[in-house]
Amino acid sequence: TPSALAATTDRLLRQGVLVMQPHVLETLHRATHVVFDKTGTLTEGQPRLNELVLLGGASREQVLQRAAALESGSAHPLSRALLSAAQTVPPASCAVDSVVHHAGQGLEGRIDGQRYRIGSASFVAQLAGEASLPAEPANATAVYLGSEQGWLARFDLADRLKQDAADTIRYFKSRGQQVILLSGDANAIVNQVA
């Protein structure tokens, strides 16, 4: 049994499954609930820009350049999505400094001496002012960009389901197990994935 458990644990590890304690393998068949994280588990974990909504007088190119400038030092998946989208436009030659991460809200920094914020609507509103914004999509995460002069853009970022996600969920349901989706994302996005 110890050899079988060691071999199974090793094989699972090579397939991306980390078994914390070997006894889990002996009791897994009795599980009544299966809890999935969303990002990177049921989805690819690589959000992409679905839509860009301009909210001010700046061009698509300008808002992508400013967003990329602010996000350039971040490893967050949403940052990577914006940096990837910005590769479709020429790089900006601007001076970016004083970038500060505000946990759960976004980033603030200076570009060519002007303050910018990128992140949630409420976070950007603290700098850009209150505004009547278009309705956010239910199937994407909305990331806003604004400056001291006002609102600039909304980036709608979405992650794709993995090809085998639906089959995986069906498998556990067919075994009579309750499937739970656990995520820190907005309810509308989680419901869309579900």
N, C-alpha and C. Protein backbone atom coordinates (compact mmCIF):
# COMPACT_ATOMS: atom_id res chain seq x y z
N THR A 1 0.81 -1.21 0.00
CA THR A 1 0.00 0.00 0.00
C THR A 1 0.85 1.27 0.00
N PRO A 2 1.90 1.36 0.83
CA PRO A 2 2.71 2.60 0.78
C PRO A 2 3.30 2.85 -0.60
N SER A 3 3.75 1.82 -1.28
CA SER A 3 4.32 1.99 -2.63
C SER A 3 3.25 2.47 -3.61
N ALA A 4 2.05 1.90 -3.53
CA ALA A 4 0.95 2.30 -4.42
C ALA A 4 0.57 3.75 -4.17
N LEU A 5 0.50 4.14 -2.91
CA LEU A 5 0.17 5.53 -2.58
C LEU A 5 1.24 6.49 -3.08
N ALA A 6 2.50 6.13 -2.91
CA ALA A 6 3.61 6.97 -3.38
C ALA A 6 3.58 7.11 -4.89
N ALA A 7 3.35 6.00 -5.60
CA ALA A 7 3.30 6.05 -7.07
C ALA A 7 2.13 6.88 -7.55
N THR A 8 0.98 6.73 -6.91
CA THR A 8 -0.21 7.49 -7.29
C THR A 8 -0.01 8.98 -7.02
N THR A 9 0.54 9.30 -5.86
CA THR A 9 0.81 10.70 -5.51
C THR A 9 1.76 11.32 -6.51
N ASP A 10 2.79 10.60 -6.92
CA ASP A 10 3.75 11.10 -7.90
C ASP A 10 3.09 11.33 -9.25
N ARG A 11 2.27 10.39 -9.67
CA ARG A 11 1.61 10.53 -10.98
C ARG A 11 0.63 11.71 -10.97
N LEU A 12 -0.12 11.84 -9.90
CA LEU A 12 -1.04 12.97 -9.79
C LEU A 12 -0.29 14.30 -9.82
N LEU A 13 0.83 14.36 -9.13
CA LEU A 13 1.64 15.57 -9.13
C LEU A 13 2.09 15.95 -10.54
N ARG A 14 2.48 14.95 -11.33
CA ARG A 14 2.89 15.23 -12.72
C ARG A 14 1.72 15.71 -13.58
N GLN A 15 0.50 15.43 -13.13
CA GLN A 15 -0.69 15.87 -13.85
C GLN A 15 -1.27 17.16 -13.27
N GLY A 16 -0.55 17.75 -12.32
CA GLY A 16 -0.97 19.03 -11.78
C GLY A 16 -1.85 18.94 -10.55
N VAL A 17 -1.96 17.76 -9.93
CA VAL A 17 -2.78 17.60 -8.73
C VAL A 17 -1.85 17.38 -7.55
N LEU A 18 -1.95 18.25 -6.57
CA LEU A 18 -1.10 18.15 -5.39
C LEU A 18 -1.88 17.47 -4.27
N VAL A 19 -1.42 16.33 -3.85
CA VAL A 19 -2.03 15.59 -2.74
C VAL A 19 -1.25 15.96 -1.48
N MET A 20 -1.93 16.59 -0.54
CA MET A 20 -1.25 17.07 0.66
C MET A 20 -0.94 15.95 1.65
N GLN A 21 -1.87 15.00 1.77
CA GLN A 21 -1.65 13.88 2.69
C GLN A 21 -2.11 12.60 2.01
N PRO A 22 -1.31 11.56 2.03
CA PRO A 22 -1.64 10.32 1.31
C PRO A 22 -2.97 9.68 1.70
N HIS A 23 -3.42 9.86 2.94
CA HIS A 23 -4.68 9.23 3.34
C HIS A 23 -5.87 9.75 2.52
N VAL A 24 -5.72 10.91 1.89
CA VAL A 24 -6.77 11.47 1.05
C VAL A 24 -7.14 10.48 -0.05
N LEU A 25 -6.15 9.82 -0.62
CA LEU A 25 -6.41 8.87 -1.70
C LEU A 25 -7.25 7.68 -1.23
N GLU A 26 -7.11 7.31 0.01
CA GLU A 26 -7.86 6.19 0.55
C GLU A 26 -9.31 6.57 0.88
N THR A 27 -9.58 7.84 1.12
CA THR A 27 -10.92 8.27 1.53
C THR A 27 -11.66 9.08 0.46
N LEU A 28 -11.01 9.39 -0.61
CA LEU A 28 -11.60 10.25 -1.65
C LEU A 28 -12.92 9.70 -2.19
N HIS A 29 -13.03 8.40 -2.30
CA HIS A 29 -14.24 7.80 -2.87
C HIS A 29 -15.48 8.05 -2.00
N ARG A 30 -15.29 8.47 -0.76
CA ARG A 30 -16.42 8.73 0.14
C ARG A 30 -16.84 10.20 0.13
N ALA A 31 -16.18 11.03 -0.65
CA ALA A 31 -16.50 12.47 -0.69
C ALA A 31 -17.93 12.67 -1.19
N THR A 32 -18.66 13.55 -0.51
CA THR A 32 -20.04 13.86 -0.91
C THR A 32 -20.12 15.18 -1.66
N HIS A 33 -19.12 16.03 -1.48
CA HIS A 33 -19.09 17.34 -2.11
C HIS A 33 -17.74 17.53 -2.81
N VAL A 34 -17.77 18.18 -3.97
CA VAL A 34 -16.56 18.53 -4.69
C VAL A 34 -16.60 20.04 -4.88
N VAL A 35 -15.58 20.74 -4.38
CA VAL A 35 -15.53 22.20 -4.43
C VAL A 35 -14.46 22.61 -5.44
N PHE A 36 -14.88 23.40 -6.42
CA PHE A 36 -13.97 23.88 -7.46
C PHE A 36 -13.73 25.37 -7.30
N ASP A 37 -12.48 25.79 -7.47
CA ASP A 37 -12.15 27.18 -7.66
C ASP A 37 -12.47 27.46 -9.13
N LYS A 38 -12.74 28.69 -9.49
CA LYS A 38 -13.10 29.00 -10.87
C LYS A 38 -11.87 29.28 -11.73
N THR A 39 -11.13 30.31 -11.38
CA THR A 39 -10.04 30.78 -12.23
C THR A 39 -8.88 29.80 -12.25
N GLY A 40 -8.58 29.30 -13.44
CA GLY A 40 -7.47 28.39 -13.61
C GLY A 40 -7.80 26.95 -13.30
N THR A 41 -9.00 26.70 -12.77
CA THR A 41 -9.43 25.33 -12.48
C THR A 41 -10.48 24.92 -13.50
N LEU A 42 -11.58 25.66 -13.53
CA LEU A 42 -12.61 25.41 -14.55
C LEU A 42 -12.41 26.31 -15.77
N THR A 43 -11.72 27.41 -15.57
CA THR A 43 -11.40 28.29 -16.69
C THR A 43 -9.92 28.17 -17.02
N GLU A 44 -9.52 28.74 -18.14
CA GLU A 44 -8.13 28.66 -18.57
C GLU A 44 -7.19 29.46 -17.67
N GLY A 45 -7.71 30.41 -16.93
CA GLY A 45 -6.87 31.24 -16.07
C GLY A 45 -6.12 32.31 -16.83
N GLN A 46 -6.59 32.61 -18.04
CA GLN A 46 -5.95 33.62 -18.87
C GLN A 46 -7.01 34.55 -19.46
N PRO A 47 -7.48 35.49 -18.66
CA PRO A 47 -8.51 36.42 -19.17
C PRO A 47 -8.01 37.16 -20.41
N ARG A 48 -8.98 37.53 -21.24
CA ARG A 48 -8.69 38.27 -22.47
C ARG A 48 -9.63 39.46 -22.57
N LEU A 49 -9.21 40.46 -23.32
CA LEU A 49 -10.06 41.62 -23.54
C LEU A 49 -11.18 41.25 -24.50
N ASN A 50 -12.42 41.31 -24.00
CA ASN A 50 -13.60 41.05 -24.84
C ASN A 50 -14.05 42.30 -25.56
N GLU A 51 -14.06 43.40 -24.81
CA GLU A 51 -14.56 44.66 -25.37
C GLU A 51 -13.89 45.82 -24.66
N LEU A 52 -13.70 46.90 -25.39
CA LEU A 52 -13.17 48.15 -24.82
C LEU A 52 -14.22 49.22 -25.08
N VAL A 53 -14.70 49.84 -24.02
CA VAL A 53 -15.70 50.89 -24.14
C VAL A 53 -15.02 52.22 -23.78
N LEU A 54 -14.96 53.11 -24.74
CA LEU A 54 -14.36 54.43 -24.50
C LEU A 54 -15.36 55.30 -23.75
N LEU A 55 -14.90 55.96 -22.69
CA LEU A 55 -15.77 56.77 -21.85
C LEU A 55 -15.42 58.25 -21.90
N GLY A 56 -14.32 58.59 -22.54
CA GLY A 56 -13.88 59.98 -22.63
C GLY A 56 -13.41 60.28 -24.04
N GLY A 57 -12.57 61.30 -24.15
CA GLY A 57 -12.10 61.74 -25.45
C GLY A 57 -10.87 61.03 -25.97
N ALA A 58 -10.29 60.12 -25.19
CA ALA A 58 -9.06 59.43 -25.62
C ALA A 58 -9.39 58.33 -26.62
N SER A 59 -8.41 58.01 -27.46
CA SER A 59 -8.59 56.96 -28.46
C SER A 59 -8.34 55.59 -27.86
N ARG A 60 -8.73 54.56 -28.60
CA ARG A 60 -8.48 53.18 -28.19
C ARG A 60 -6.98 52.97 -27.93
N GLU A 61 -6.17 53.47 -28.84
CA GLU A 61 -4.71 53.33 -28.72
C GLU A 61 -4.21 53.99 -27.43
N GLN A 62 -4.69 55.19 -27.16
CA GLN A 62 -4.23 55.92 -25.97
C GLN A 62 -4.61 55.22 -24.67
N VAL A 63 -5.85 54.72 -24.58
CA VAL A 63 -6.26 54.08 -23.32
C VAL A 63 -5.54 52.75 -23.12
N LEU A 64 -5.29 52.03 -24.19
CA LEU A 64 -4.53 50.78 -24.07
C LEU A 64 -3.09 51.07 -23.63
N GLN A 65 -2.50 52.12 -24.19
CA GLN A 65 -1.13 52.49 -23.80
C GLN A 65 -1.06 52.90 -22.33
N ARG A 66 -2.02 53.68 -21.88
CA ARG A 66 -2.02 54.12 -20.47
C ARG A 66 -2.27 52.95 -19.53
N ALA A 67 -3.21 52.09 -19.91
CA ALA A 67 -3.48 50.91 -19.07
C ALA A 67 -2.24 50.03 -18.97
N ALA A 68 -1.56 49.81 -20.09
CA ALA A 68 -0.35 48.99 -20.09
C ALA A 68 0.75 49.63 -19.26
N ALA A 69 0.85 50.94 -19.32
CA ALA A 69 1.88 51.64 -18.55
C ALA A 69 1.65 51.43 -17.05
N LEU A 70 0.41 51.54 -16.61
CA LEU A 70 0.10 51.35 -15.20
C LEU A 70 0.27 49.89 -14.77
N GLU A 71 -0.10 48.97 -15.63
CA GLU A 71 -0.11 47.54 -15.29
C GLU A 71 1.23 46.85 -15.52
N SER A 72 2.21 47.54 -16.08
CA SER A 72 3.45 46.89 -16.51
C SER A 72 4.21 46.16 -15.41
N GLY A 73 4.04 46.56 -14.16
CA GLY A 73 4.77 45.89 -13.08
C GLY A 73 3.95 44.85 -12.34
N SER A 74 2.73 44.60 -12.78
CA SER A 74 1.84 43.69 -12.06
C SER A 74 1.81 42.31 -12.71
N ALA A 75 1.70 41.27 -11.88
CA ALA A 75 1.60 39.89 -12.38
C ALA A 75 0.17 39.37 -12.29
N HIS A 76 -0.78 40.21 -11.92
CA HIS A 76 -2.17 39.80 -11.79
C HIS A 76 -2.70 39.34 -13.15
N PRO A 77 -3.56 38.29 -13.19
CA PRO A 77 -4.09 37.82 -14.47
C PRO A 77 -4.81 38.89 -15.28
N LEU A 78 -5.52 39.80 -14.61
CA LEU A 78 -6.19 40.87 -15.34
C LEU A 78 -5.18 41.85 -15.92
N SER A 79 -4.08 42.07 -15.21
CA SER A 79 -3.01 42.92 -15.73
C SER A 79 -2.41 42.31 -16.98
N ARG A 80 -2.16 41.01 -16.93
CA ARG A 80 -1.59 40.32 -18.10
C ARG A 80 -2.53 40.41 -19.30
N ALA A 81 -3.83 40.37 -19.06
CA ALA A 81 -4.80 40.49 -20.15
C ALA A 81 -4.72 41.86 -20.79
N LEU A 82 -4.60 42.90 -19.96
CA LEU A 82 -4.49 44.26 -20.50
C LEU A 82 -3.17 44.46 -21.23
N LEU A 83 -2.09 43.91 -20.69
CA LEU A 83 -0.79 44.02 -21.36
C LEU A 83 -0.81 43.30 -22.71
N SER A 84 -1.47 42.17 -22.76
CA SER A 84 -1.59 41.43 -24.02
C SER A 84 -2.39 42.23 -25.04
N ALA A 85 -3.50 42.82 -24.61
CA ALA A 85 -4.33 43.64 -25.51
C ALA A 85 -3.55 44.84 -26.01
N ALA A 86 -2.70 45.41 -25.17
CA ALA A 86 -1.93 46.60 -25.55
C ALA A 86 -0.86 46.29 -26.59
N GLN A 87 -0.54 45.03 -26.78
CA GLN A 87 0.45 44.67 -27.79
C GLN A 87 -0.07 44.91 -29.21
N THR A 88 -1.36 45.20 -29.36
CA THR A 88 -1.94 45.48 -30.67
C THR A 88 -1.74 46.93 -31.10
N VAL A 89 -1.21 47.76 -30.18
CA VAL A 89 -0.98 49.18 -30.50
C VAL A 89 0.50 49.49 -30.28
N PRO A 90 1.00 50.55 -30.89
CA PRO A 90 2.41 50.92 -30.68
C PRO A 90 2.65 51.26 -29.20
N PRO A 91 3.81 50.90 -28.68
CA PRO A 91 4.10 51.22 -27.28
C PRO A 91 4.17 52.74 -27.07
N ALA A 92 3.75 53.17 -25.90
CA ALA A 92 3.77 54.59 -25.58
C ALA A 92 5.13 54.97 -25.04
N SER A 93 5.52 56.18 -25.32
CA SER A 93 6.76 56.70 -24.73
C SER A 93 6.35 57.70 -23.66
N CYS A 94 6.02 57.17 -22.49
CA CYS A 94 5.57 58.03 -21.41
C CYS A 94 6.31 57.67 -20.13
N ALA A 95 6.40 58.63 -19.24
CA ALA A 95 7.06 58.42 -17.96
C ALA A 95 6.03 57.99 -16.93
N VAL A 96 6.19 56.76 -16.41
CA VAL A 96 5.28 56.22 -15.41
C VAL A 96 6.02 56.14 -14.08
N ASP A 97 5.39 56.66 -13.02
CA ASP A 97 6.03 56.54 -11.71
C ASP A 97 4.97 56.54 -10.62
N SER A 98 5.41 56.29 -9.42
CA SER A 98 4.57 56.31 -8.22
C SER A 98 3.38 55.36 -8.31
N VAL A 99 3.55 54.20 -8.95
CA VAL A 99 2.45 53.24 -9.06
C VAL A 99 2.28 52.53 -7.71
N VAL A 100 1.04 52.58 -7.21
CA VAL A 100 0.71 51.98 -5.92
C VAL A 100 -0.45 51.02 -6.11
N HIS A 101 -0.29 49.81 -5.58
CA HIS A 101 -1.35 48.80 -5.64
C HIS A 101 -2.27 48.98 -4.44
N HIS A 102 -3.57 49.06 -4.68
CA HIS A 102 -4.57 49.13 -3.63
C HIS A 102 -5.34 47.81 -3.66
N ALA A 103 -5.08 46.94 -2.70
CA ALA A 103 -5.62 45.58 -2.69
C ALA A 103 -7.13 45.56 -2.89
N GLY A 104 -7.55 44.75 -3.86
CA GLY A 104 -8.96 44.58 -4.14
C GLY A 104 -9.62 45.73 -4.87
N GLN A 105 -8.83 46.75 -5.23
CA GLN A 105 -9.41 47.93 -5.87
C GLN A 105 -8.76 48.25 -7.21
N GLY A 106 -7.43 48.26 -7.25
CA GLY A 106 -6.74 48.58 -8.48
C GLY A 106 -5.40 49.24 -8.25
N LEU A 107 -4.94 49.98 -9.24
CA LEU A 107 -3.64 50.65 -9.20
C LEU A 107 -3.82 52.14 -9.41
N GLU A 108 -2.94 52.89 -8.77
CA GLU A 108 -2.89 54.33 -9.01
C GLU A 108 -1.45 54.68 -9.32
N GLY A 109 -1.26 55.57 -10.28
CA GLY A 109 0.08 56.00 -10.61
C GLY A 109 0.05 57.29 -11.41
N ARG A 110 1.25 57.77 -11.71
CA ARG A 110 1.37 58.99 -12.50
C ARG A 110 1.96 58.64 -13.87
N ILE A 111 1.36 59.21 -14.90
CA ILE A 111 1.86 59.08 -16.26
C ILE A 111 2.07 60.49 -16.77
N ASP A 112 3.33 60.80 -17.09
CA ASP A 112 3.70 62.15 -17.52
C ASP A 112 3.17 63.21 -16.55
N GLY A 113 3.26 62.90 -15.25
CA GLY A 113 2.89 63.85 -14.21
C GLY A 113 1.42 63.88 -13.84
N GLN A 114 0.57 63.19 -14.59
CA GLN A 114 -0.87 63.21 -14.31
C GLN A 114 -1.27 61.93 -13.58
N ARG A 115 -2.16 62.05 -12.57
CA ARG A 115 -2.62 60.89 -11.81
C ARG A 115 -3.66 60.09 -12.58
N TYR A 116 -3.50 58.77 -12.55
CA TYR A 116 -4.43 57.84 -13.18
C TYR A 116 -4.78 56.75 -12.19
N ARG A 117 -5.93 56.17 -12.38
CA ARG A 117 -6.34 54.98 -11.64
C ARG A 117 -6.91 53.97 -12.61
N ILE A 118 -6.64 52.70 -12.33
CA ILE A 118 -7.21 51.60 -13.09
C ILE A 118 -7.68 50.55 -12.11
N GLY A 119 -8.92 50.10 -12.26
CA GLY A 119 -9.47 49.12 -11.34
C GLY A 119 -10.98 49.17 -11.31
N SER A 120 -11.55 48.97 -10.12
CA SER A 120 -13.01 48.95 -9.97
C SER A 120 -13.59 50.34 -10.22
N ALA A 121 -14.89 50.37 -10.54
CA ALA A 121 -15.56 51.64 -10.81
C ALA A 121 -15.51 52.56 -9.59
N SER A 122 -15.74 52.01 -8.41
CA SER A 122 -15.74 52.85 -7.20
C SER A 122 -14.35 53.41 -6.91
N PHE A 123 -13.32 52.64 -7.18
CA PHE A 123 -11.95 53.09 -6.97
C PHE A 123 -11.60 54.22 -7.93
N VAL A 124 -11.92 54.06 -9.20
CA VAL A 124 -11.62 55.08 -10.22
C VAL A 124 -12.46 56.33 -9.97
N ALA A 125 -13.71 56.15 -9.50
CA ALA A 125 -14.59 57.30 -9.25
C ALA A 125 -14.01 58.25 -8.20
N GLN A 126 -13.22 57.73 -7.27
CA GLN A 126 -12.61 58.57 -6.24
C GLN A 126 -11.65 59.59 -6.86
N LEU A 127 -11.14 59.30 -8.05
CA LEU A 127 -10.24 60.22 -8.74
C LEU A 127 -10.93 60.93 -9.90
N ALA A 128 -11.68 60.17 -10.70
CA ALA A 128 -12.27 60.71 -11.93
C ALA A 128 -13.60 61.41 -11.69
N GLY A 129 -14.22 61.19 -10.52
CA GLY A 129 -15.51 61.80 -10.22
C GLY A 129 -16.65 60.84 -10.53
N GLU A 130 -17.79 61.15 -9.98
CA GLU A 130 -18.98 60.31 -10.22
C GLU A 130 -19.45 60.51 -11.66
N ALA A 131 -19.98 59.43 -12.23
CA ALA A 131 -20.47 59.50 -13.61
C ALA A 131 -21.53 58.44 -13.82
N SER A 132 -22.36 58.66 -14.80
CA SER A 132 -23.34 57.66 -15.21
C SER A 132 -22.65 56.76 -16.23
N LEU A 133 -22.38 55.52 -15.82
CA LEU A 133 -21.62 54.60 -16.66
C LEU A 133 -22.54 53.60 -17.33
N PRO A 134 -22.16 53.12 -18.52
CA PRO A 134 -22.97 52.09 -19.17
C PRO A 134 -22.99 50.81 -18.33
N ALA A 135 -24.06 50.04 -18.48
CA ALA A 135 -24.21 48.80 -17.72
C ALA A 135 -23.05 47.86 -18.01
N GLU A 136 -22.57 47.20 -16.95
CA GLU A 136 -21.47 46.24 -17.10
C GLU A 136 -22.00 44.92 -17.65
N PRO A 137 -21.19 44.23 -18.43
CA PRO A 137 -21.62 42.93 -18.96
C PRO A 137 -21.66 41.88 -17.85
N ALA A 138 -22.55 40.90 -17.98
CA ALA A 138 -22.67 39.84 -16.97
C ALA A 138 -21.59 38.78 -17.13
N ASN A 139 -20.98 38.72 -18.31
CA ASN A 139 -20.03 37.63 -18.59
C ASN A 139 -18.58 38.07 -18.58
N ALA A 140 -18.29 39.23 -18.00
CA ALA A 140 -16.91 39.73 -18.00
C ALA A 140 -16.66 40.57 -16.75
N THR A 141 -15.38 40.72 -16.43
CA THR A 141 -14.97 41.60 -15.34
C THR A 141 -14.68 42.97 -15.93
N ALA A 142 -15.32 43.98 -15.39
CA ALA A 142 -15.11 45.35 -15.88
C ALA A 142 -13.97 45.99 -15.10
N VAL A 143 -12.99 46.50 -15.84
CA VAL A 143 -11.87 47.24 -15.27
C VAL A 143 -11.90 48.64 -15.88
N TYR A 144 -11.91 49.65 -15.03
CA TYR A 144 -12.05 51.03 -15.48
C TYR A 144 -10.72 51.77 -15.44
N LEU A 145 -10.60 52.76 -16.31
CA LEU A 145 -9.43 53.63 -16.36
C LEU A 145 -9.93 55.07 -16.31
N GLY A 146 -9.32 55.86 -15.43
CA GLY A 146 -9.68 57.26 -15.34
C GLY A 146 -8.51 58.08 -14.84
N SER A 147 -8.64 59.38 -14.99
CA SER A 147 -7.59 60.30 -14.55
C SER A 147 -8.23 61.44 -13.79
N GLU A 148 -7.42 62.41 -13.41
CA GLU A 148 -7.94 63.59 -12.73
C GLU A 148 -8.90 64.37 -13.64
N GLN A 149 -8.75 64.19 -14.96
CA GLN A 149 -9.61 64.90 -15.91
C GLN A 149 -10.92 64.17 -16.19
N GLY A 150 -11.06 62.92 -15.74
CA GLY A 150 -12.32 62.21 -15.95
C GLY A 150 -12.12 60.75 -16.36
N TRP A 151 -13.22 60.14 -16.74
CA TRP A 151 -13.26 58.73 -17.11
C TRP A 151 -12.70 58.54 -18.52
N LEU A 152 -11.95 57.46 -18.72
CA LEU A 152 -11.34 57.21 -20.02
C LEU A 152 -11.87 55.95 -20.71
N ALA A 153 -11.98 54.84 -19.96
CA ALA A 153 -12.36 53.59 -20.63
C ALA A 153 -12.82 52.54 -19.64
N ARG A 154 -13.55 51.56 -20.19
CA ARG A 154 -13.89 50.34 -19.46
C ARG A 154 -13.38 49.17 -20.30
N PHE A 155 -12.61 48.30 -19.67
CA PHE A 155 -12.09 47.10 -20.32
C PHE A 155 -12.89 45.92 -19.80
N ASP A 156 -13.56 45.21 -20.68
CA ASP A 156 -14.32 44.02 -20.28
C ASP A 156 -13.45 42.80 -20.53
N LEU A 157 -13.03 42.16 -19.44
CA LEU A 157 -12.10 41.03 -19.50
C LEU A 157 -12.81 39.74 -19.11
N ALA A 158 -12.61 38.70 -19.89
CA ALA A 158 -13.27 37.43 -19.61
C ALA A 158 -12.30 36.27 -19.80
N ASP A 159 -12.54 35.23 -19.05
CA ASP A 159 -11.75 34.01 -19.09
C ASP A 159 -12.59 32.92 -19.74
N ARG A 160 -11.99 32.08 -20.54
CA ARG A 160 -12.71 30.99 -21.21
C ARG A 160 -12.73 29.74 -20.35
N LEU A 161 -13.84 29.01 -20.45
CA LEU A 161 -13.92 27.72 -19.79
C LEU A 161 -12.93 26.75 -20.42
N LYS A 162 -12.38 25.87 -19.60
CA LYS A 162 -11.54 24.80 -20.15
C LYS A 162 -12.44 23.86 -20.93
N GLN A 163 -11.89 23.22 -21.94
CA GLN A 163 -12.67 22.33 -22.81
C GLN A 163 -13.34 21.21 -22.04
N ASP A 164 -12.68 20.72 -21.00
CA ASP A 164 -13.24 19.58 -20.27
C ASP A 164 -14.03 19.98 -19.02
N ALA A 165 -14.28 21.26 -18.81
CA ALA A 165 -14.95 21.72 -17.58
C ALA A 165 -16.35 21.12 -17.44
N ALA A 166 -17.15 21.19 -18.47
CA ALA A 166 -18.52 20.68 -18.39
C ALA A 166 -18.53 19.17 -18.18
N ASP A 167 -17.66 18.45 -18.87
CA ASP A 167 -17.58 16.99 -18.70
C ASP A 167 -17.15 16.64 -17.28
N THR A 168 -16.23 17.39 -16.72
CA THR A 168 -15.77 17.14 -15.36
C THR A 168 -16.90 17.31 -14.36
N ILE A 169 -17.67 18.38 -14.50
CA ILE A 169 -18.80 18.62 -13.61
C ILE A 169 -19.85 17.53 -13.76
N ARG A 170 -20.16 17.15 -15.01
CA ARG A 170 -21.14 16.08 -15.26
C ARG A 170 -20.70 14.77 -14.60
N TYR A 171 -19.40 14.49 -14.66
CA TYR A 171 -18.88 13.26 -14.08
C TYR A 171 -19.17 13.21 -12.57
N PHE A 172 -18.85 14.27 -11.86
CA PHE A 172 -19.08 14.26 -10.41
C PHE A 172 -20.57 14.23 -10.07
N LYS A 173 -21.38 14.93 -10.85
CA LYS A 173 -22.82 14.90 -10.61
C LYS A 173 -23.39 13.51 -10.85
N SER A 174 -22.87 12.82 -11.87
CA SER A 174 -23.36 11.46 -12.18
C SER A 174 -23.02 10.49 -11.05
N ARG A 175 -22.03 10.80 -10.26
CA ARG A 175 -21.64 9.97 -9.11
C ARG A 175 -22.43 10.35 -7.86
N GLY A 176 -23.35 11.32 -8.00
CA GLY A 176 -24.17 11.73 -6.88
C GLY A 176 -23.50 12.73 -5.95
N GLN A 177 -22.41 13.30 -6.40
CA GLN A 177 -21.71 14.26 -5.56
C GLN A 177 -22.21 15.68 -5.83
N GLN A 178 -22.28 16.47 -4.77
CA GLN A 178 -22.69 17.87 -4.90
C GLN A 178 -21.48 18.68 -5.36
N VAL A 179 -21.68 19.47 -6.43
CA VAL A 179 -20.59 20.29 -6.97
C VAL A 179 -20.82 21.74 -6.55
N ILE A 180 -19.76 22.34 -6.01
CA ILE A 180 -19.82 23.72 -5.53
C ILE A 180 -18.74 24.53 -6.25
N LEU A 181 -19.10 25.72 -6.70
CA LEU A 181 -18.16 26.63 -7.34
C LEU A 181 -17.83 27.74 -6.35
N LEU A 182 -16.57 27.87 -5.99
CA LEU A 182 -16.11 28.83 -5.00
C LEU A 182 -15.23 29.85 -5.71
N SER A 183 -15.58 31.13 -5.60
CA SER A 183 -14.81 32.15 -6.30
C SER A 183 -14.94 33.49 -5.59
N GLY A 184 -13.92 34.29 -5.72
CA GLY A 184 -13.96 35.65 -5.19
C GLY A 184 -14.45 36.65 -6.22
N ASP A 185 -14.78 36.18 -7.43
CA ASP A 185 -15.24 37.07 -8.49
C ASP A 185 -16.69 37.50 -8.25
N ALA A 186 -17.12 38.48 -9.03
CA ALA A 186 -18.49 39.00 -8.93
C ALA A 186 -19.50 37.88 -9.21
N ASN A 187 -20.64 37.96 -8.51
CA ASN A 187 -21.68 36.93 -8.64
C ASN A 187 -22.11 36.70 -10.08
N ALA A 188 -22.27 37.77 -10.85
CA ALA A 188 -22.74 37.62 -12.23
C ALA A 188 -21.78 36.78 -13.05
N ILE A 189 -20.48 36.97 -12.86
CA ILE A 189 -19.49 36.22 -13.61
C ILE A 189 -19.46 34.76 -13.15
N VAL A 190 -19.55 34.54 -11.85
CA VAL A 190 -19.55 33.19 -11.31
C VAL A 190 -20.79 32.45 -11.81
N ASN A 191 -21.93 33.12 -11.81
CA ASN A 191 -23.18 32.50 -12.30
C ASN A 191 -23.07 32.17 -13.79
N GLN A 192 -22.43 33.02 -14.55
CA GLN A 192 -22.22 32.76 -15.98
C GLN A 192 -21.39 31.49 -16.18
N VAL A 193 -20.33 31.34 -15.42
CA VAL A 193 -19.49 30.14 -15.51
C VAL A 193 -20.27 28.91 -15.07
N ALA A 194 -21.03 29.07 -13.98
CA ALA A 194 -21.83 27.95 -13.48
C ALA A 194 -22.86 27.51 -14.52
